Amino acid sequence: MHPGLMVKTPRTLLLLLWLMWLTKSIAATPRNKSTYGPAITVDPFAALSTESVFLSLEYELRQIRDLHLSINKLRLSKIVEVFQARRKSQCRIGHQKNYNDPQAVY
C-alpha cells in the first residue's frame, strides 16, 4: 500500500482490500472462452461495475471527511470552552481590581 495513503477506519481498510481483491479477480478472469473454457465467477460482487465500486469508495471517503470535520469542530469548541472558563476564573480572581481607575498600574 502507498505510504502516503493513511487509512483511518477499519471499514475503509476493508473496502480498499475488497477493491484490490476485486480488481485482481477481474484481471485473473480468462477472456478467451474457447481456450480456457467458460469463466466461472464465484464472487457475487464481480458483476458490479468499477464505477459503482469507485462511487461507494468515494462515499466512504466523504463520510470519513465529514467525521473528521465534526471531530475538529468538537475539539475547537472544547478549546474555546476551556479558554472561556479560564477567562471567567481570572475575572473572578481579579474582580477586586478596578480597571476603570486611570491611576492604577497593573
Protein backbone atom coordinates (compact mmCIF):
# COMPACT_ATOMS: atom_id res chain seq x y z
CA MET A 1 0.00 0.00 0.00
CA HIS A 2 1.23 3.50 -0.74
CA PRO A 3 2.93 5.11 2.28
CA GLY A 4 1.09 8.38 1.72
CA LEU A 5 -2.28 6.65 1.95
CA MET A 6 -3.41 6.65 5.55
CA VAL A 7 -6.45 4.56 6.38
CA LYS A 8 -8.29 5.94 9.39
CA THR A 9 -11.10 3.45 9.86
CA PRO A 10 -11.29 -0.34 9.62
CA ARG A 11 -14.31 -0.06 7.34
CA THR A 12 -12.27 1.85 4.78
CA LEU A 13 -9.44 -0.63 5.06
CA LEU A 14 -11.85 -3.47 4.37
CA LEU A 15 -13.30 -1.59 1.41
CA LEU A 16 -9.84 -0.96 -0.02
CA LEU A 17 -8.85 -4.60 0.45
CA TRP A 18 -12.09 -5.71 -1.19
CA LEU A 19 -11.46 -3.33 -4.10
CA MET A 20 -7.92 -4.68 -4.57
CA TRP A 21 -9.21 -8.26 -4.43
CA LEU A 22 -12.00 -7.42 -6.87
CA THR A 23 -9.65 -5.87 -9.42
CA LYS A 24 -7.30 -8.85 -9.07
CA SER A 25 -10.15 -11.34 -9.59
CA ILE A 26 -11.44 -9.43 -12.63
CA ALA A 27 -7.94 -9.31 -14.12
CA ALA A 28 -7.48 -13.05 -13.50
CA THR A 29 -10.73 -13.97 -15.26
CA PRO A 30 -9.93 -15.60 -18.63
CA ARG A 31 -11.22 -13.68 -21.62
CA ASN A 32 -10.88 -16.28 -24.37
CA LYS A 33 -13.52 -18.90 -23.57
CA SER A 34 -12.51 -21.25 -26.38
CA THR A 35 -9.00 -21.65 -24.96
CA TYR A 36 -9.67 -21.52 -21.24
CA GLY A 37 -13.23 -22.75 -21.06
CA PRO A 38 -16.11 -20.82 -19.51
CA ALA A 39 -15.19 -18.19 -16.96
CA ILE A 40 -16.63 -19.20 -13.61
CA THR A 41 -17.07 -16.34 -11.17
CA VAL A 42 -17.65 -17.31 -7.56
CA ASP A 43 -17.67 -13.71 -6.37
CA PRO A 44 -21.22 -12.30 -6.18
CA PHE A 45 -19.78 -8.76 -6.35
CA ALA A 46 -17.89 -9.41 -9.59
CA ALA A 47 -20.91 -8.20 -11.54
CA LEU A 48 -20.53 -4.72 -10.06
CA SER A 49 -19.09 -2.14 -12.39
CA THR A 50 -15.91 -0.37 -11.42
CA GLU A 51 -17.87 2.89 -11.49
CA SER A 52 -20.20 1.72 -8.72
CA VAL A 53 -17.21 0.48 -6.70
CA PHE A 54 -15.49 3.83 -7.01
CA LEU A 55 -18.71 5.65 -6.15
CA SER A 56 -19.07 3.62 -2.96
CA LEU A 57 -15.41 4.28 -2.14
CA GLU A 58 -15.94 7.98 -2.77
CA TYR A 59 -18.98 7.91 -0.46
CA GLU A 60 -16.93 6.23 2.29
CA LEU A 61 -14.18 8.82 1.92
CA ARG A 62 -16.74 11.62 2.18
CA GLN A 63 -18.13 10.05 5.36
CA ILE A 64 -14.62 9.94 6.82
CA ARG A 65 -14.01 13.57 5.85
CA ASP A 66 -17.28 14.64 7.45
CA LEU A 67 -16.38 12.68 10.58
CA HIS A 68 -13.00 14.40 10.80
CA LEU A 69 -14.61 17.80 10.31
CA SER A 70 -17.08 17.16 13.12
CA ILE A 71 -14.27 15.94 15.39
CA ASN A 72 -12.28 19.09 14.64
CA LYS A 73 -15.33 21.25 15.40
CA LEU A 74 -15.76 19.46 18.73
CA ARG A 75 -12.09 19.96 19.56
CA LEU A 76 -12.30 23.63 18.66
CA SER A 77 -15.45 24.13 20.75
CA LYS A 78 -13.77 22.38 23.70
CA ILE A 79 -10.71 24.65 23.37
CA VAL A 80 -12.95 27.72 23.29
CA GLU A 81 -14.84 26.40 26.31
CA VAL A 82 -11.59 25.96 28.27
CA PHE A 83 -10.38 29.44 27.38
CA GLN A 84 -13.71 30.96 28.37
CA ALA A 85 -13.59 29.11 31.69
CA ARG A 86 -10.06 30.38 32.30
CA ARG A 87 -11.10 33.91 31.45
CA LYS A 88 -14.06 33.69 33.84
CA SER A 89 -11.87 32.32 36.63
CA GLN A 90 -9.33 35.09 36.07
CA CYS A 91 -12.09 37.69 36.10
CA ARG A 92 -13.34 36.28 39.41
CA ILE A 93 -9.84 36.39 40.88
CA GLY A 94 -9.17 39.88 39.60
CA HIS A 95 -12.65 41.14 40.40
CA GLN A 96 -11.30 43.31 43.21
CA LYS A 97 -9.23 45.29 40.69
CA ASN A 98 -10.78 48.48 39.44
CA TYR A 99 -9.98 48.59 35.75
CA ASN A 100 -11.74 51.95 35.40
CA ASP A 101 -9.17 53.64 37.66
CA PRO A 102 -6.78 55.65 35.43
CA GLN A 103 -4.19 55.86 38.27
CA ALA A 104 -3.89 52.09 38.66
CA VAL A 105 -0.91 50.23 37.20
CA TYR A 106 -1.33 46.52 36.53
